[in-house]
C-alpha atoms as a PDB file:
ATOM      1  CA  MET A   1      68.421  70.262  85.000  1.00  0.00           C
ATOM      2  CA  VAL A   2      65.329  68.259  85.916  1.00  0.00           C
ATOM      3  CA  GLN A   3      66.176  64.963  87.598  1.00  0.00           C
ATOM      4  CA  LYS A   4      63.865  62.309  86.202  1.00  0.00           C
ATOM      5  CA  LEU A   5      62.357  59.881  88.677  1.00  0.00           C
ATOM      6  CA  PRO A   6      61.464  56.243  87.998  1.00  0.00           C
ATOM      7  CA  TRP A   7      57.786  57.116  87.969  1.00  0.00           C
ATOM      8  CA  ASP A   8      58.027  60.198  85.723  1.00  0.00           C
ATOM      9  CA  ASN A   9      56.908  58.201  82.692  1.00  0.00           C
ATOM     10  CA  LEU A  10      53.996  56.486  84.428  1.00  0.00           C
ATOM     11  CA  SER A  11      50.517  57.349  83.240  1.00  0.00           C
ATOM     12  CA  PHE A  12      47.677  57.177  85.762  1.00  0.00           C
ATOM     13  CA  GLY A  13      45.180  58.844  83.457  1.00  0.00           C
ATOM     14  CA  MET A  14      43.839  62.364  83.159  1.00  0.00           C
ATOM     15  CA  SER A  15      41.312  64.165  85.290  1.00  0.00           C
ATOM     16  CA  SER A  16      37.702  64.510  84.247  1.00  0.00           C
ATOM     17  CA  PRO A  17      36.667  68.043  83.322  1.00  0.00           C
ATOM     18  CA  ARG A  18      33.462  67.370  85.287  1.00  0.00           C
ATOM     19  CA  ASP A  19      35.292  66.783  88.585  1.00  0.00           C
ATOM     20  CA  PRO A  20      35.995  70.168  90.224  1.00  0.00           C
ATOM     21  CA  ARG A  21      38.005  68.603  93.083  1.00  0.00           C
ATOM     22  CA  LEU A  22      40.634  66.927  90.905  1.00  0.00           C
ATOM     23  CA  PRO A  23      43.558  69.047  89.660  1.00  0.00           C
ATOM     24  CA  PRO A  24      44.616  68.715  85.989  1.00  0.00           C
ATOM     25  CA  GLY A  25      46.655  65.647  85.143  1.00  0.00           C
ATOM     26  CA  GLN A  26      45.575  63.750  88.289  1.00  0.00           C
ATOM     27  CA  ARG A  27      43.550  60.589  88.879  1.00  0.00           C
ATOM     28  CA  TRP A  28      41.873  59.357  92.062  1.00  0.00           C
ATOM     29  CA  VAL A  29      43.291  56.284  93.795  1.00  0.00           C
ATOM     30  CA  GLU A  30      42.078  54.537  96.940  1.00  0.00           C
ATOM     31  CA  GLU A  31      45.202  54.531  99.119  1.00  0.00           C
ATOM     32  CA  LEU A  32      48.552  56.229  99.641  1.00  0.00           C
ATOM     33  CA  ILE A  33      51.400  54.933  97.488  1.00  0.00           C
ATOM     34  CA  GLU A  34      54.754  54.619  99.234  1.00  0.00           C
ATOM     35  CA  TYR A  35      57.531  56.791  97.795  1.00  0.00           C
ATOM     36  CA  SER A  36      60.649  58.111  99.495  1.00  0.00           C
ATOM     37  CA  ALA A  37      63.941  59.690  98.461  1.00  0.00           C
ATOM     38  CA  GLY A  38      65.733  56.944 100.427  1.00  0.00           C
ATOM     39  CA  GLY A  39      64.862  54.043 102.676  1.00  0.00           C
ATOM     40  CA  ARG A  40      62.725  54.300 105.784  1.00  0.00           C
ATOM     41  CA  PRO A  41      64.862  55.728 108.598  1.00  0.00           C
ATOM     42  CA  ALA A  42      65.112  53.836 111.871  1.00  0.00           C
ATOM     43  CA  ILE A  43      63.386  55.934 114.542  1.00  0.00           C
ATOM     44  CA  ASP A  44      63.286  55.121 118.248  1.00  0.00           C
ATOM     45  CA  GLU A  45      60.304  56.949 119.764  1.00  0.00           C
ATOM     46  CA  LYS A  46      62.141  57.044 123.111  1.00  0.00           C
ATOM     47  CA  GLU A  47      64.844  59.148 121.439  1.00  0.00           C
ATOM     48  CA  TRP A  48      62.512  61.033 119.063  1.00  0.00           C
ATOM     49  CA  ARG A  49      62.560  64.825 119.208  1.00  0.00           C
ATOM     50  CA  PHE A  50      60.715  67.513 117.285  1.00  0.00           C
ATOM     51  CA  ALA A  51      61.786  71.172 117.229  1.00  0.00           C
ATOM     52  CA  VAL A  52      60.552  74.537 115.970  1.00  0.00           C
ATOM     53  CA  ASP A  53      63.320  77.111 115.722  1.00  0.00           C
ATOM     54  CA  GLY A  54      64.876  79.827 113.567  1.00  0.00           C
ATOM     55  CA  ARG A  55      63.238  83.239 113.502  1.00  0.00           C
ATOM     56  CA  VAL A  56      61.035  82.661 116.540  1.00  0.00           C
ATOM     57  CA  ALA A  57      60.969  84.255 119.993  1.00  0.00           C
ATOM     58  CA  LYS A  58      60.282  80.969 121.806  1.00  0.00           C
ATOM     59  CA  PRO A  59      62.021  77.932 120.266  1.00  0.00           C
ATOM     60  CA  LEU A  60      60.144  74.697 120.916  1.00  0.00           C
ATOM     61  CA  SER A  61      61.314  71.143 121.533  1.00  0.00           C
ATOM     62  CA  PHE A  62      59.148  68.085 122.205  1.00  0.00           C
ATOM     63  CA  SER A  63      59.640  64.472 123.153  1.00  0.00           C
ATOM     64  CA  TRP A  64      57.133  61.982 121.708  1.00  0.00           C
ATOM     65  CA  GLU A  65      55.120  62.010 124.932  1.00  0.00           C
ATOM     66  CA  GLU A  66      55.102  65.820 125.014  1.00  0.00           C
ATOM     67  CA  PHE A  67      53.974  66.016 121.410  1.00  0.00           C
ATOM     68  CA  GLN A  68      51.136  63.588 122.093  1.00  0.00           C
ATOM     69  CA  SER A  69      49.885  65.885 124.855  1.00  0.00           C
ATOM     70  CA  LEU A  70      49.340  68.761 122.404  1.00  0.00           C
ATOM     71  CA  PRO A  71      45.795  69.484 121.164  1.00  0.00           C
ATOM     72  CA  HIS A  72      45.040  67.258 118.173  1.00  0.00           C
ATOM     73  CA  VAL A  73      42.469  67.664 115.402  1.00  0.00           C
ATOM     74  CA  ASP A  74      40.957  65.325 112.817  1.00  0.00           C
ATOM     75  CA  LEU A  75      40.892  66.637 109.256  1.00  0.00           C
ATOM     76  CA  THR A  76      39.663  65.111 106.016  1.00  0.00           C
ATOM     77  CA  VAL A  77      41.370  66.580 102.955  1.00  0.00           C
ATOM     78  CA  ASP A  78      42.188  65.783  99.335  1.00  0.00           C
ATOM     79  CA  PHE A  79      45.845  64.811  98.862  1.00  0.00           C
ATOM     80  CA  HIS A  80      47.721  65.153  95.563  1.00  0.00           C
ATOM     81  CA  CYS A  81      51.023  63.515  94.552  1.00  0.00           C
ATOM     82  CA  VAL A  82      53.245  64.954  91.813  1.00  0.00           C
ATOM     83  CA  THR A  83      53.317  61.470  90.241  1.00  0.00           C
ATOM     84  CA  THR A  84      49.686  62.124  89.150  1.00  0.00           C
ATOM     85  CA  TRP A  85      47.640  60.234  91.769  1.00  0.00           C
ATOM     86  CA  SER A  86      45.274  61.852  94.245  1.00  0.00           C
ATOM     87  CA  ILE A  87      43.240  60.631  97.217  1.00  0.00           C
ATOM     88  CA  LYS A  88      39.802  62.046  97.897  1.00  0.00           C
ATOM     89  CA  ASP A  89      38.724  62.625 101.516  1.00  0.00           C
ATOM     90  CA  SER A  90      41.979  61.479 103.067  1.00  0.00           C
ATOM     91  CA  PRO A  91      41.523  61.313 106.894  1.00  0.00           C
ATOM     92  CA  TRP A  92      44.416  62.538 109.045  1.00  0.00           C
ATOM     93  CA  ARG A  93      44.907  63.286 112.727  1.00  0.00           C
ATOM     94  CA  GLY A  94      47.539  65.603 114.106  1.00  0.00           C
ATOM     95  CA  VAL A  95      48.547  69.020 115.402  1.00  0.00           C
ATOM     96  CA  ARG A  96      47.969  72.110 113.314  1.00  0.00           C
ATOM     97  CA  LEU A  97      51.324  73.556 112.322  1.00  0.00           C
ATOM     98  CA  ASN A  98      49.943  77.036 112.869  1.00  0.00           C
ATOM     99  CA  ASP A  99      49.253  76.192 116.531  1.00  0.00           C
ATOM    100  CA  LEU A 100      52.946  75.469 117.037  1.00  0.00           C
ATOM    101  CA  LEU A 101      53.932  78.604 115.136  1.00  0.00           C
ATOM    102  CA  THR A 102      51.724  80.603 117.486  1.00  0.00           C
ATOM    103  CA  MET A 103      53.340  78.931 120.498  1.00  0.00           C
ATOM    104  CA  ALA A 104      56.794  79.740 119.110  1.00  0.00           C
ATOM    105  CA  ASP A 105      55.908  83.405 118.503  1.00  0.00           C
ATOM    106  CA  VAL A 106      57.207  83.745 114.949  1.00  0.00           C
ATOM    107  CA  HIS A 107      59.259  86.871 114.283  1.00  0.00           C
ATOM    108  CA  PRO A 108      57.614  89.342 111.843  1.00  0.00           C
ATOM    109  CA  VAL A 109      60.540  89.041 109.405  1.00  0.00           C
ATOM    110  CA  ALA A 110      59.997  85.270 108.915  1.00  0.00           C
ATOM    111  CA  ARG A 111      58.496  84.414 105.538  1.00  0.00           C
ATOM    112  CA  PHE A 112      59.363  80.759 104.885  1.00  0.00           C
ATOM    113  CA  VAL A 113      59.333  77.334 106.529  1.00  0.00           C
ATOM    114  CA  PHE A 114      62.135  74.812 106.073  1.00  0.00           C
ATOM    115  CA  ALA A 115      61.386  71.234 107.160  1.00  0.00           C
ATOM    116  CA  GLU A 116      64.016  68.635 108.072  1.00  0.00           C
ATOM    117  CA  CYS A 117      63.447  64.936 108.604  1.00  0.00           C
ATOM    118  CA  TYR A 118      64.974  61.782 109.975  1.00  0.00           C
ATOM    119  CA  GLY A 119      66.792  60.259 107.020  1.00  0.00           C
ATOM    120  CA  GLY A 120      67.952  63.624 105.672  1.00  0.00           C
ATOM    121  CA  TYR A 121      64.976  64.679 103.539  1.00  0.00           C
ATOM    122  CA  THR A 122      64.157  68.397 103.415  1.00  0.00           C
ATOM    123  CA  THR A 123      61.499  70.616 101.868  1.00  0.00           C
ATOM    124  CA  ASN A 124      60.245  74.186 102.043  1.00  0.00           C
ATOM    125  CA  PHE A 125      57.154  76.351 101.599  1.00  0.00           C
ATOM    126  CA  PRO A 126      55.915  79.855 102.439  1.00  0.00           C
ATOM    127  CA  LEU A 127      54.902  80.782 105.975  1.00  0.00           C
ATOM    128  CA  GLU A 128      51.549  81.852 104.549  1.00  0.00           C
ATOM    129  CA  THR A 129      50.920  78.233 103.539  1.00  0.00           C
ATOM    130  CA  ALA A 130      52.113  76.925 106.908  1.00  0.00           C
ATOM    131  CA  ARG A 131      49.485  79.028 108.675  1.00  0.00           C
ATOM    132  CA  ARG A 132      46.577  77.447 106.817  1.00  0.00           C
ATOM    133  CA  PRO A 133      44.216  75.491 109.135  1.00  0.00           C
ATOM    134  CA  ASP A 134      44.475  72.369 106.959  1.00  0.00           C
ATOM    135  CA  VAL A 135      48.273  72.050 107.283  1.00  0.00           C
ATOM    136  CA  LEU A 136      49.087  69.381 109.877  1.00  0.00           C
ATOM    137  CA  LEU A 137      51.880  67.644 111.650  1.00  0.00           C
ATOM    138  CA  ALA A 138      50.145  64.287 111.364  1.00  0.00           C
ATOM    139  CA  ASP A 139      50.671  61.278 113.614  1.00  0.00           C
ATOM    140  CA  GLY A 140      47.471  59.454 112.663  1.00  0.00           C
ATOM    141  CA  TYR A 141      45.877  58.179 109.469  1.00  0.00           C
ATOM    142  CA  ARG A 142      42.520  56.453 108.949  1.00  0.00           C
ATOM    143  CA  GLY A 143      41.932  56.277 112.691  1.00  0.00           C
ATOM    144  CA  LYS A 144      45.240  54.552 113.513  1.00  0.00           C
ATOM    145  CA  PRO A 145      48.804  55.640 114.325  1.00  0.00           C
ATOM    146  CA  LEU A 146      50.554  56.791 111.161  1.00  0.00           C
ATOM    147  CA  PRO A 147      52.406  53.797 109.634  1.00  0.00           C
ATOM    148  CA  ARG A 148      56.170  54.091 109.242  1.00  0.00           C
ATOM    149  CA  MET A 149      55.900  53.469 105.488  1.00  0.00           C
ATOM    150  CA  PHE A 150      53.773  56.604 105.133  1.00  0.00           C
ATOM    151  CA  GLY A 151      55.958  58.832 107.303  1.00  0.00           C
ATOM    152  CA  GLY A 152      55.235  57.771 110.875  1.00  0.00           C
ATOM    153  CA  PRO A 153      55.599  58.570 113.606  1.00  0.00           C
ATOM    154  CA  LEU A 154      55.162  62.153 112.308  1.00  0.00           C
ATOM    155  CA  ARG A 155      54.858  63.776 108.904  1.00  0.00           C
ATOM    156  CA  LEU A 156      53.728  67.025 107.395  1.00  0.00           C
ATOM    157  CA  VAL A 157      50.431  67.134 105.522  1.00  0.00           C
ATOM    158  CA  VAL A 158      50.255  70.172 103.228  1.00  0.00           C
ATOM    159  CA  PRO A 159      47.094  69.624 101.149  1.00  0.00           C
ATOM    160  CA  PRO A 160      47.328  72.719  98.897  1.00  0.00           C
ATOM    161  CA  LEU A 161      50.712  71.582  97.494  1.00  0.00           C
ATOM    162  CA  TYR A 162      51.997  68.414  95.849  1.00  0.00           C
ATOM    163  CA  ALA A 163      52.836  65.736  98.384  1.00  0.00           C
ATOM    164  CA  TYR A 164      56.629  66.087  98.206  1.00  0.00           C
ATOM    165  CA  LYS A 165      56.064  69.172 100.371  1.00  0.00           C
ATOM    166  CA  SER A 166      54.344  66.881 102.931  1.00  0.00           C
ATOM    167  CA  ALA A 167      57.638  65.652 104.346  1.00  0.00           C
ATOM    168  CA  LYS A 168      57.733  62.234 106.008  1.00  0.00           C
ATOM    169  CA  TRP A 169      59.487  61.512 109.311  1.00  0.00           C
ATOM    170  CA  VAL A 170      59.710  65.241 110.038  1.00  0.00           C
ATOM    171  CA  ASN A 171      61.654  66.307 113.134  1.00  0.00           C
ATOM    172  CA  ARG A 172      62.368  70.008 112.713  1.00  0.00           C
ATOM    173  CA  ILE A 173      60.685  73.145 111.394  1.00  0.00           C
ATOM    174  CA  THR A 174      62.865  76.231 110.945  1.00  0.00           C
ATOM    175  CA  LEU A 175      61.463  79.706 110.268  1.00  0.00           C
ATOM    176  CA  LEU A 176      63.506  81.700 107.759  1.00  0.00           C
ATOM    177  CA  GLU A 177      63.631  85.196 106.311  1.00  0.00           C
ATOM    178  CA  GLU A 178      64.865  83.922 102.927  1.00  0.00           C
ATOM    179  CA  ASP A 179      63.703  80.838 101.085  1.00  0.00           C
ATOM    180  CA  ARG A 180      65.895  77.718 101.164  1.00  0.00           C
ATOM    181  CA  LEU A 181      65.331  74.923  98.656  1.00  0.00           C
ATOM    182  CA  GLY A 182      64.725  71.394  99.856  1.00  0.00           C
ATOM    183  CA  PHE A 183      65.789  68.037  98.407  1.00  0.00           C
ATOM    184  CA  TRP A 184      63.528  67.734  95.373  1.00  0.00           C
ATOM    185  CA  GLU A 185      63.428  71.483  94.841  1.00  0.00           C
ATOM    186  CA  GLU A 186      67.220  71.415  94.396  1.00  0.00           C
ATOM    187  CA  ASN A 187      66.830  68.528  91.949  1.00  0.00           C
ATOM    188  CA  GLY A 188      64.556  70.212  89.435  1.00  0.00           C
ATOM    189  CA  TYR A 189      61.129  69.941  91.001  1.00  0.00           C
ATOM    190  CA  SER A 190      58.891  72.978  91.358  1.00  0.00           C
ATOM    191  CA  ASN A 191      59.490  75.230  94.335  1.00  0.00           C
ATOM    192  CA  HIS A 192      55.812  76.258  94.274  1.00  0.00           C
ATOM    193  CA  ALA A 193      54.197  72.824  93.713  1.00  0.00           C
ATOM    194  CA  ASP A 194      50.648  74.049  93.057  1.00  0.00           C
ATOM    195  CA  PRO A 195      48.615  71.083  91.725  1.00  0.00           C
ATOM    196  CA  TRP A 196      46.048  73.368  90.108  1.00  0.00           C
ATOM    197  CA  LYS A 197      48.781  74.994  88.002  1.00  0.00           C
ATOM    198  CA  GLU A 198      50.544  71.636  87.365  1.00  0.00           C
ATOM    199  CA  GLN A 199      53.758  73.035  88.814  1.00  0.00           C
ATOM    200  CA  ARG A 200      55.626  69.728  88.839  1.00  0.00           C
ATOM    201  CA  HIS A 201      59.075  70.810  87.622  1.00  0.00           C
ATOM    202  CA  THR A 202      61.085  74.028  87.801  1.00  0.00           C
ATOM    203  CA  ALA A 203      60.045  74.974  84.258  1.00  0.00           C
ATOM    204  CA  ASP A 204      56.405  74.979  85.400  1.00  0.00           C
ATOM    205  CA  ASP A 205      56.920  77.635  88.105  1.00  0.00           C
ATOM    206  CA  ARG A 206      56.160  80.469  85.698  1.00  0.00           C
ATOM    207  CA  ARG A 207      52.555  79.287  85.345  1.00  0.00           C
END
């Protein structure tokens, strides 16, 4: 059964057929809107850890200082929320997830990524998506450290999928052979989350 959210009945307007960058059912907004499955978790950067494990030859673990020493990139991408808003040219700074997957030496049998976060949130997506050059572990936004309300100190940014795949406060990436549903995926939201196919709920996955 699909679990309805408080914003499921909101209407932000429809996309213009003349705008090739805007998926169907979406409308541009100027800034991120704060949503979370629970409250903001308390995170002490002195105790913060981030790990990459599972079906990898070289499991990784980083302190905040160690993560900051990794090569960072600046990317500007369009960002689409399942609640029907989108941001054009959203500027992020972070570490490409694929760079960490390369460091970890992912086993050939791995096919999926499972993300875990401070606060208990989880999500999942295919390894093929994780290897895209526009998928980030972001610690910066609009030229500043990523605000806690938007997922700081570290969040996923997965531009090709709806934003509930862009997990906030992420602290662990696990490589899996078989898919494992995350929080919203277990509660009726699409496992595929393709904005261009309007895969918002489980019933939309056949599109």
